[in-house]
Structures are given as C-alpha cells and as structure tokens.
Amino acid sequence: MNSSFYRRDGSAYMNFENGKDENKSLRENNWKQESTLFVQINDPNRVPSVHRQLQSYIANNNKALEDFQVSELALDLFTTMADRDRAEEILADTWQAPPLAAVIGSAIMGIAINCLQLLFIAFIKIIYLLSIGLGNCIW
C-alpha cells in the first residue's frame, strides 16, 4: 500500500473497470459522488490538450451538484501535489506533505547518527589497538 493515498471511508484506489466488478451499482455517468482521477501523460506537450478536454466535464458536474459548482478542472503534478495540499490546506484524497521542519530535522538526525556511529567505531578501534599494545602506532 502506498501511504501517499488514503480515503476517509477506508475504500481503495483501483482501475475504474475493476471497480464496476466490485460494486455492481456503480454507474459511469454518476456525477453525484466525488472522485479523484489520476492520469498519466507521458508527453508533456499533451498536457494543455488534456486540460482543455477535461473542461467539457464541468457542465456535468455543475448540473448534478448544485451545491458544488466547479469553474475549472485542473491537472496537478503528482510529484508536487502533497506540497500544494499542505500549503493551501486542501481537503484531498492524498496525504499532505509533512512539515518542512520534519523533513529537514529527519535529514539532520540521520547525518548526526551516522557521524556518531563513525566516531564510536573509531573509538572502539583505538581502544582495541591500545589494549593489544599497538597504541604507539596510532600516535
């Protein structure tokens, strides 16, 4: 399970066609239920075209959900989605990125622990050399 994804109701992410097998009442044209669509666009030059094509679905959403009117359907880069969700406090189906302080603090702690390990290993080697009488070689 990828911990980037979560759903409040415990449901999972799956291919839509597989979802229809799992949930027989699922209809392709049901605009009353919120959903998140992940698309993979291999050619960056196609992004503007895909964005334009998505806009045709705004009318369907606005007709079905009068209390949730959409003015634009946007494409968001997956690699920066969590950062944007955190910065703008967006209610989304992906976890927000951790606070920047936690990321930097974890990196610093990792480096500090590695440095302490190296110092500990060097200290043990010095103690060992002194114990076998080779202490003169290290000075």
N, C-alpha and C. Protein backbone atom coordinates (compact mmCIF):
# COMPACT_ATOMS: atom_id res chain seq x y z
N MET A 1 0.84 -1.18 0.00
CA MET A 1 0.00 0.00 0.00
C MET A 1 0.88 1.24 0.00
N ASN A 2 0.57 2.16 -0.87
CA ASN A 2 1.30 3.41 -0.93
C ASN A 2 0.70 4.36 0.11
N SER A 3 1.51 4.83 1.04
CA SER A 3 0.98 5.67 2.11
C SER A 3 0.67 7.09 1.64
N SER A 4 0.89 7.41 0.36
CA SER A 4 0.50 8.72 -0.14
C SER A 4 -1.01 8.82 -0.29
N PHE A 5 -1.67 7.67 -0.41
CA PHE A 5 -3.11 7.65 -0.65
C PHE A 5 -3.86 7.25 0.59
N TYR A 6 -5.00 7.82 0.78
CA TYR A 6 -5.89 7.40 1.85
C TYR A 6 -7.29 7.87 1.51
N ARG A 7 -8.25 7.18 2.03
CA ARG A 7 -9.64 7.60 1.89
C ARG A 7 -10.24 7.56 3.28
N ARG A 8 -11.00 8.57 3.60
CA ARG A 8 -11.60 8.64 4.93
C ARG A 8 -12.54 7.47 5.20
N ASP A 9 -13.20 6.95 4.16
CA ASP A 9 -14.14 5.86 4.37
C ASP A 9 -13.49 4.49 4.25
N GLY A 10 -12.18 4.44 4.04
CA GLY A 10 -11.46 3.17 4.00
C GLY A 10 -11.44 2.49 2.66
N SER A 11 -12.02 3.10 1.63
CA SER A 11 -12.02 2.46 0.33
C SER A 11 -10.64 2.54 -0.31
N ALA A 12 -10.47 1.78 -1.37
CA ALA A 12 -9.16 1.68 -2.00
C ALA A 12 -9.17 2.34 -3.38
N TYR A 13 -8.01 2.54 -3.93
CA TYR A 13 -7.86 3.04 -5.29
C TYR A 13 -7.74 1.84 -6.21
N MET A 14 -8.46 1.90 -7.33
CA MET A 14 -8.38 0.82 -8.30
C MET A 14 -8.80 1.33 -9.67
N ASN A 15 -8.50 0.55 -10.66
CA ASN A 15 -8.94 0.83 -12.01
C ASN A 15 -10.47 0.89 -12.01
N PHE A 16 -11.03 1.87 -12.72
CA PHE A 16 -12.48 2.05 -12.71
C PHE A 16 -13.22 0.80 -13.20
N GLU A 17 -12.69 0.16 -14.22
CA GLU A 17 -13.33 -1.05 -14.74
C GLU A 17 -13.38 -2.14 -13.67
N ASN A 18 -12.34 -2.28 -12.89
CA ASN A 18 -12.34 -3.25 -11.79
C ASN A 18 -13.33 -2.84 -10.70
N GLY A 19 -13.49 -1.56 -10.50
CA GLY A 19 -14.43 -1.07 -9.50
C GLY A 19 -15.85 -1.45 -9.84
N LYS A 20 -16.18 -1.47 -11.14
CA LYS A 20 -17.53 -1.87 -11.55
C LYS A 20 -17.78 -3.34 -11.23
N ASP A 21 -16.75 -4.17 -11.29
CA ASP A 21 -16.90 -5.58 -10.91
C ASP A 21 -17.16 -5.70 -9.41
N GLU A 22 -16.50 -4.87 -8.64
CA GLU A 22 -16.60 -4.91 -7.19
C GLU A 22 -17.92 -4.33 -6.68
N ASN A 23 -18.38 -3.27 -7.34
CA ASN A 23 -19.59 -2.56 -6.91
C ASN A 23 -20.56 -2.52 -8.10
N LYS A 24 -21.51 -3.42 -8.12
CA LYS A 24 -22.43 -3.57 -9.26
C LYS A 24 -23.31 -2.33 -9.47
N SER A 25 -23.54 -1.54 -8.42
CA SER A 25 -24.40 -0.35 -8.57
C SER A 25 -23.64 0.87 -9.10
N LEU A 26 -22.35 0.75 -9.30
CA LEU A 26 -21.53 1.86 -9.79
C LEU A 26 -21.88 2.17 -11.23
N ARG A 27 -22.17 3.44 -11.50
CA ARG A 27 -22.51 3.86 -12.85
C ARG A 27 -21.45 4.83 -13.36
N GLU A 28 -21.07 4.69 -14.61
CA GLU A 28 -20.05 5.56 -15.20
C GLU A 28 -20.48 7.01 -15.25
N ASN A 29 -21.78 7.25 -15.39
CA ASN A 29 -22.25 8.63 -15.56
C ASN A 29 -22.85 9.22 -14.28
N ASN A 30 -22.45 8.70 -13.14
CA ASN A 30 -22.92 9.23 -11.86
C ASN A 30 -22.03 10.39 -11.44
N TRP A 31 -22.56 11.59 -11.52
CA TRP A 31 -21.79 12.79 -11.17
C TRP A 31 -22.10 13.27 -9.76
N LYS A 32 -22.87 12.50 -8.99
CA LYS A 32 -23.25 12.93 -7.64
C LYS A 32 -22.20 12.57 -6.60
N GLN A 33 -21.27 11.71 -6.92
CA GLN A 33 -20.28 11.26 -5.95
C GLN A 33 -18.91 11.83 -6.30
N GLU A 34 -18.22 12.35 -5.29
CA GLU A 34 -16.89 12.91 -5.55
C GLU A 34 -15.91 11.79 -5.89
N SER A 35 -14.93 12.13 -6.69
CA SER A 35 -13.90 11.15 -7.02
C SER A 35 -12.63 11.89 -7.39
N THR A 36 -11.56 11.16 -7.40
CA THR A 36 -10.27 11.70 -7.80
C THR A 36 -9.78 10.88 -8.97
N LEU A 37 -9.33 11.54 -10.00
CA LEU A 37 -8.85 10.87 -11.19
C LEU A 37 -7.36 11.11 -11.32
N PHE A 38 -6.62 10.03 -11.43
CA PHE A 38 -5.18 10.13 -11.67
C PHE A 38 -4.93 9.71 -13.11
N VAL A 39 -4.28 10.57 -13.86
CA VAL A 39 -3.94 10.25 -15.26
C VAL A 39 -2.44 10.33 -15.42
N GLN A 40 -1.93 9.53 -16.33
CA GLN A 40 -0.50 9.57 -16.65
C GLN A 40 -0.36 10.07 -18.07
N ILE A 41 0.33 11.19 -18.22
CA ILE A 41 0.55 11.78 -19.54
C ILE A 41 2.05 11.70 -19.79
N ASN A 42 2.41 10.82 -20.70
CA ASN A 42 3.84 10.59 -20.95
C ASN A 42 4.51 11.72 -21.72
N ASP A 43 3.76 12.41 -22.55
CA ASP A 43 4.31 13.50 -23.35
C ASP A 43 3.88 14.84 -22.76
N PRO A 44 4.80 15.59 -22.15
CA PRO A 44 4.43 16.88 -21.52
C PRO A 44 3.76 17.85 -22.49
N ASN A 45 4.01 17.71 -23.79
CA ASN A 45 3.39 18.60 -24.77
C ASN A 45 1.89 18.38 -24.89
N ARG A 46 1.39 17.25 -24.40
CA ARG A 46 -0.04 16.93 -24.47
C ARG A 46 -0.83 17.49 -23.29
N VAL A 47 -0.15 17.97 -22.26
CA VAL A 47 -0.85 18.44 -21.05
C VAL A 47 -1.88 19.53 -21.37
N PRO A 48 -1.55 20.57 -22.13
CA PRO A 48 -2.56 21.60 -22.43
C PRO A 48 -3.79 21.02 -23.15
N SER A 49 -3.57 20.07 -24.05
CA SER A 49 -4.68 19.47 -24.78
C SER A 49 -5.58 18.66 -23.84
N VAL A 50 -4.99 17.88 -22.95
CA VAL A 50 -5.75 17.09 -21.99
C VAL A 50 -6.52 18.03 -21.05
N HIS A 51 -5.88 19.10 -20.64
CA HIS A 51 -6.54 20.09 -19.77
C HIS A 51 -7.78 20.66 -20.44
N ARG A 52 -7.66 21.02 -21.72
CA ARG A 52 -8.80 21.56 -22.46
C ARG A 52 -9.93 20.52 -22.56
N GLN A 53 -9.56 19.28 -22.80
CA GLN A 53 -10.57 18.22 -22.94
C GLN A 53 -11.32 17.99 -21.62
N LEU A 54 -10.63 18.13 -20.49
CA LEU A 54 -11.28 17.94 -19.19
C LEU A 54 -12.36 18.98 -18.92
N GLN A 55 -12.19 20.16 -19.48
CA GLN A 55 -13.14 21.25 -19.19
C GLN A 55 -14.55 20.92 -19.67
N SER A 56 -14.69 20.00 -20.62
CA SER A 56 -16.02 19.65 -21.12
C SER A 56 -16.86 18.95 -20.05
N TYR A 57 -16.25 18.47 -18.98
CA TYR A 57 -16.98 17.77 -17.92
C TYR A 57 -17.49 18.71 -16.82
N ILE A 58 -17.15 19.96 -16.88
CA ILE A 58 -17.59 20.91 -15.86
C ILE A 58 -19.11 21.02 -15.83
N ALA A 59 -19.72 21.09 -16.99
CA ALA A 59 -21.19 21.25 -17.06
C ALA A 59 -21.88 20.06 -16.39
N ASN A 60 -21.39 18.84 -16.63
CA ASN A 60 -21.99 17.65 -16.00
C ASN A 60 -21.93 17.74 -14.49
N ASN A 61 -20.79 18.16 -13.96
CA ASN A 61 -20.63 18.29 -12.51
C ASN A 61 -21.57 19.35 -11.96
N ASN A 62 -21.59 20.51 -12.58
CA ASN A 62 -22.39 21.62 -12.06
C ASN A 62 -23.89 21.34 -12.14
N LYS A 63 -24.32 20.54 -13.12
CA LYS A 63 -25.73 20.18 -13.22
C LYS A 63 -26.11 19.19 -12.12
N ALA A 64 -25.24 18.22 -11.84
CA ALA A 64 -25.52 17.18 -10.85
C ALA A 64 -25.35 17.68 -9.42
N LEU A 65 -24.43 18.57 -9.20
CA LEU A 65 -24.12 19.04 -7.84
C LEU A 65 -24.29 20.55 -7.76
N GLU A 66 -25.49 20.97 -7.50
CA GLU A 66 -25.76 22.40 -7.45
C GLU A 66 -25.05 23.09 -6.29
N ASP A 67 -24.74 22.34 -5.24
CA ASP A 67 -24.04 22.93 -4.09
C ASP A 67 -22.53 22.84 -4.21
N PHE A 68 -22.03 22.30 -5.31
CA PHE A 68 -20.59 22.18 -5.52
C PHE A 68 -20.29 22.53 -6.97
N GLN A 69 -20.25 23.82 -7.24
CA GLN A 69 -20.03 24.31 -8.59
C GLN A 69 -18.54 24.42 -8.88
N VAL A 70 -18.15 23.90 -10.02
CA VAL A 70 -16.74 23.88 -10.44
C VAL A 70 -16.54 24.87 -11.56
N SER A 71 -15.48 25.65 -11.48
CA SER A 71 -15.18 26.60 -12.55
C SER A 71 -14.07 26.08 -13.46
N GLU A 72 -13.25 25.14 -12.94
CA GLU A 72 -12.17 24.59 -13.76
C GLU A 72 -11.76 23.24 -13.20
N LEU A 73 -11.46 22.32 -14.10
CA LEU A 73 -10.85 21.05 -13.71
C LEU A 73 -9.37 21.17 -14.04
N ALA A 74 -8.53 20.98 -13.05
CA ALA A 74 -7.10 21.23 -13.21
C ALA A 74 -6.31 19.94 -13.20
N LEU A 75 -5.18 19.97 -13.86
CA LEU A 75 -4.21 18.88 -13.79
C LEU A 75 -3.12 19.32 -12.83
N ASP A 76 -2.82 18.47 -11.89
CA ASP A 76 -1.83 18.80 -10.87
C ASP A 76 -0.73 17.75 -10.93
N LEU A 77 0.52 18.19 -10.98
CA LEU A 77 1.64 17.24 -11.00
C LEU A 77 1.64 16.40 -9.74
N PHE A 78 1.72 15.10 -9.91
CA PHE A 78 1.69 14.20 -8.76
C PHE A 78 2.86 14.47 -7.81
N THR A 79 4.02 14.81 -8.38
CA THR A 79 5.21 14.99 -7.56
C THR A 79 5.13 16.21 -6.64
N THR A 80 4.27 17.16 -6.94
CA THR A 80 4.17 18.36 -6.10
C THR A 80 2.80 18.49 -5.44
N MET A 81 1.92 17.51 -5.66
CA MET A 81 0.55 17.58 -5.14
C MET A 81 0.52 17.69 -3.62
N ALA A 82 1.30 16.88 -2.93
CA ALA A 82 1.27 16.89 -1.46
C ALA A 82 1.75 18.22 -0.91
N ASP A 83 2.77 18.81 -1.54
CA ASP A 83 3.26 20.12 -1.09
C ASP A 83 2.18 21.19 -1.24
N ARG A 84 1.49 21.17 -2.38
CA ARG A 84 0.43 22.15 -2.62
C ARG A 84 -0.73 21.94 -1.65
N ASP A 85 -1.10 20.68 -1.43
CA ASP A 85 -2.19 20.39 -0.49
C ASP A 85 -1.86 20.93 0.90
N ARG A 86 -0.59 20.79 1.32
CA ARG A 86 -0.19 21.30 2.65
C ARG A 86 -0.22 22.82 2.67
N ALA A 87 0.33 23.44 1.64
CA ALA A 87 0.45 24.90 1.61
C ALA A 87 -0.92 25.58 1.54
N GLU A 88 -1.85 24.98 0.81
CA GLU A 88 -3.15 25.61 0.61
C GLU A 88 -4.24 25.00 1.48
N GLU A 89 -3.88 24.04 2.34
CA GLU A 89 -4.82 23.36 3.23
C GLU A 89 -6.04 22.85 2.47
N ILE A 90 -5.77 22.03 1.47
CA ILE A 90 -6.82 21.49 0.61
C ILE A 90 -7.30 20.16 1.16
N LEU A 91 -8.61 19.95 1.15
CA LEU A 91 -9.19 18.67 1.51
C LEU A 91 -9.04 17.76 0.30
N ALA A 92 -8.16 16.78 0.40
CA ALA A 92 -7.84 15.95 -0.77
C ALA A 92 -7.77 14.48 -0.38
N ASP A 93 -7.66 13.65 -1.41
CA ASP A 93 -7.58 12.21 -1.21
C ASP A 93 -6.13 11.72 -1.14
N THR A 94 -5.21 12.60 -0.99
CA THR A 94 -3.82 12.23 -0.77
C THR A 94 -3.36 12.91 0.51
N TRP A 95 -2.41 12.30 1.18
CA TRP A 95 -1.88 12.90 2.40
C TRP A 95 -1.15 14.18 2.06
N GLN A 96 -1.20 15.12 2.97
CA GLN A 96 -0.41 16.34 2.81
C GLN A 96 1.06 15.98 3.04
N ALA A 97 1.93 16.78 2.45
CA ALA A 97 3.35 16.60 2.70
C ALA A 97 3.65 16.92 4.16
N PRO A 98 4.62 16.25 4.76
CA PRO A 98 4.95 16.57 6.15
C PRO A 98 5.52 17.99 6.23
N PRO A 99 5.47 18.59 7.41
CA PRO A 99 6.04 19.93 7.55
C PRO A 99 7.51 19.93 7.16
N LEU A 100 7.94 21.02 6.55
CA LEU A 100 9.32 21.12 6.07
C LEU A 100 10.31 20.90 7.22
N ALA A 101 9.98 21.39 8.40
CA ALA A 101 10.87 21.21 9.56
C ALA A 101 11.08 19.72 9.87
N ALA A 102 10.03 18.92 9.70
CA ALA A 102 10.16 17.49 9.95
C ALA A 102 11.07 16.83 8.93
N VAL A 103 10.98 17.26 7.68
CA VAL A 103 11.83 16.69 6.63
C VAL A 103 13.30 17.05 6.89
N ILE A 104 13.56 18.32 7.15
CA ILE A 104 14.94 18.78 7.38
C ILE A 104 15.47 18.19 8.69
N GLY A 105 14.63 18.18 9.72
CA GLY A 105 15.06 17.62 11.01
C GLY A 105 15.42 16.15 10.89
N SER A 106 14.64 15.38 10.12
CA SER A 106 14.95 13.96 9.93
C SER A 106 16.27 13.78 9.20
N ALA A 107 16.53 14.61 8.21
CA ALA A 107 17.80 14.52 7.48
C ALA A 107 18.98 14.84 8.40
N ILE A 108 18.85 15.89 9.19
CA ILE A 108 19.93 16.26 10.12
C ILE A 108 20.17 15.16 11.15
N MET A 109 19.09 14.59 11.67
CA MET A 109 19.24 13.50 12.65
C MET A 109 19.93 12.29 12.02
N GLY A 110 19.58 11.98 10.77
CA GLY A 110 20.21 10.86 10.08
C GLY A 110 21.71 11.08 9.93
N ILE A 111 22.09 12.28 9.54
CA ILE A 111 23.51 12.61 9.39
C ILE A 111 24.21 12.55 10.74
N ALA A 112 23.58 13.10 11.78
CA ALA A 112 24.17 13.10 13.12
C ALA A 112 24.37 11.68 13.63
N ILE A 113 23.39 10.83 13.41
CA ILE A 113 23.51 9.44 13.88
C ILE A 113 24.64 8.73 13.15
N ASN A 114 24.76 8.95 11.84
CA ASN A 114 25.86 8.34 11.10
C ASN A 114 27.21 8.84 11.59
N CYS A 115 27.33 10.12 11.86
CA CYS A 115 28.59 10.68 12.37
C CYS A 115 28.93 10.06 13.73
N LEU A 116 27.93 9.94 14.60
CA LEU A 116 28.18 9.33 15.90
C LEU A 116 28.60 7.87 15.76
N GLN A 117 28.01 7.16 14.80
CA GLN A 117 28.42 5.78 14.57
C GLN A 117 29.88 5.70 14.16
N LEU A 118 30.28 6.59 13.24
CA LEU A 118 31.67 6.59 12.80
C LEU A 118 32.62 6.91 13.95
N LEU A 119 32.25 7.88 14.78
CA LEU A 119 33.08 8.21 15.93
C LEU A 119 33.16 7.04 16.90
N PHE A 120 32.05 6.37 17.13
CA PHE A 120 32.02 5.22 18.02
C PHE A 120 32.92 4.11 17.49
N ILE A 121 32.85 3.84 16.19
CA ILE A 121 33.69 2.80 15.59
C ILE A 121 35.17 3.17 15.73
N ALA A 122 35.50 4.43 15.46
CA ALA A 122 36.90 4.87 15.60
C ALA A 122 37.36 4.73 17.04
N PHE A 123 36.51 5.10 17.98
CA PHE A 123 36.85 4.99 19.40
C PHE A 123 37.11 3.53 19.78
N ILE A 124 36.25 2.64 19.34
CA ILE A 124 36.42 1.21 19.64
C ILE A 124 37.72 0.69 19.05
N LYS A 125 38.06 1.11 17.83
CA LYS A 125 39.31 0.66 17.20
C LYS A 125 40.53 1.16 17.99
N ILE A 126 40.46 2.40 18.46
CA ILE A 126 41.57 2.94 19.25
C ILE A 126 41.72 2.16 20.54
N ILE A 127 40.62 1.90 21.22
CA ILE A 127 40.65 1.12 22.47
C ILE A 127 41.24 -0.26 22.20
N TYR A 128 40.84 -0.88 21.09
CA TYR A 128 41.35 -2.21 20.75
C TYR A 128 42.86 -2.16 20.52
N LEU A 129 43.31 -1.18 19.73
CA LEU A 129 44.75 -1.07 19.44
C LEU A 129 45.55 -0.82 20.72
N LEU A 130 45.02 0.02 21.61
CA LEU A 130 45.70 0.27 22.88
C LEU A 130 45.74 -1.00 23.73
N SER A 131 44.67 -1.78 23.68
CA SER A 131 44.62 -2.99 24.52
C SER A 131 45.59 -4.06 24.05
N ILE A 132 45.91 -4.08 22.77
CA ILE A 132 46.86 -5.10 22.30
C ILE A 132 48.28 -4.54 22.20
N GLY A 133 48.46 -3.34 22.69
CA GLY A 133 49.81 -2.78 22.78
C GLY A 133 50.27 -2.10 21.52
N LEU A 134 49.39 -1.77 20.63
CA LEU A 134 49.79 -1.07 19.40
C LEU A 134 49.42 0.41 19.45
N GLY A 135 49.23 0.89 20.65
CA GLY A 135 48.84 2.29 20.83
C GLY A 135 49.86 3.25 20.26
N ASN A 136 51.16 2.87 20.28
CA ASN A 136 52.21 3.76 19.77
C ASN A 136 52.06 3.98 18.27
N CYS A 137 51.46 3.02 17.56
CA CYS A 137 51.34 3.13 16.10
C CYS A 137 50.34 4.19 15.67
N ILE A 138 49.37 4.46 16.52
CA ILE A 138 48.33 5.39 16.10
C ILE A 138 48.68 6.85 16.41
N TRP A 139 49.70 7.09 17.22
CA TRP A 139 50.05 8.48 17.55
C TRP A 139 51.13 8.91 16.68
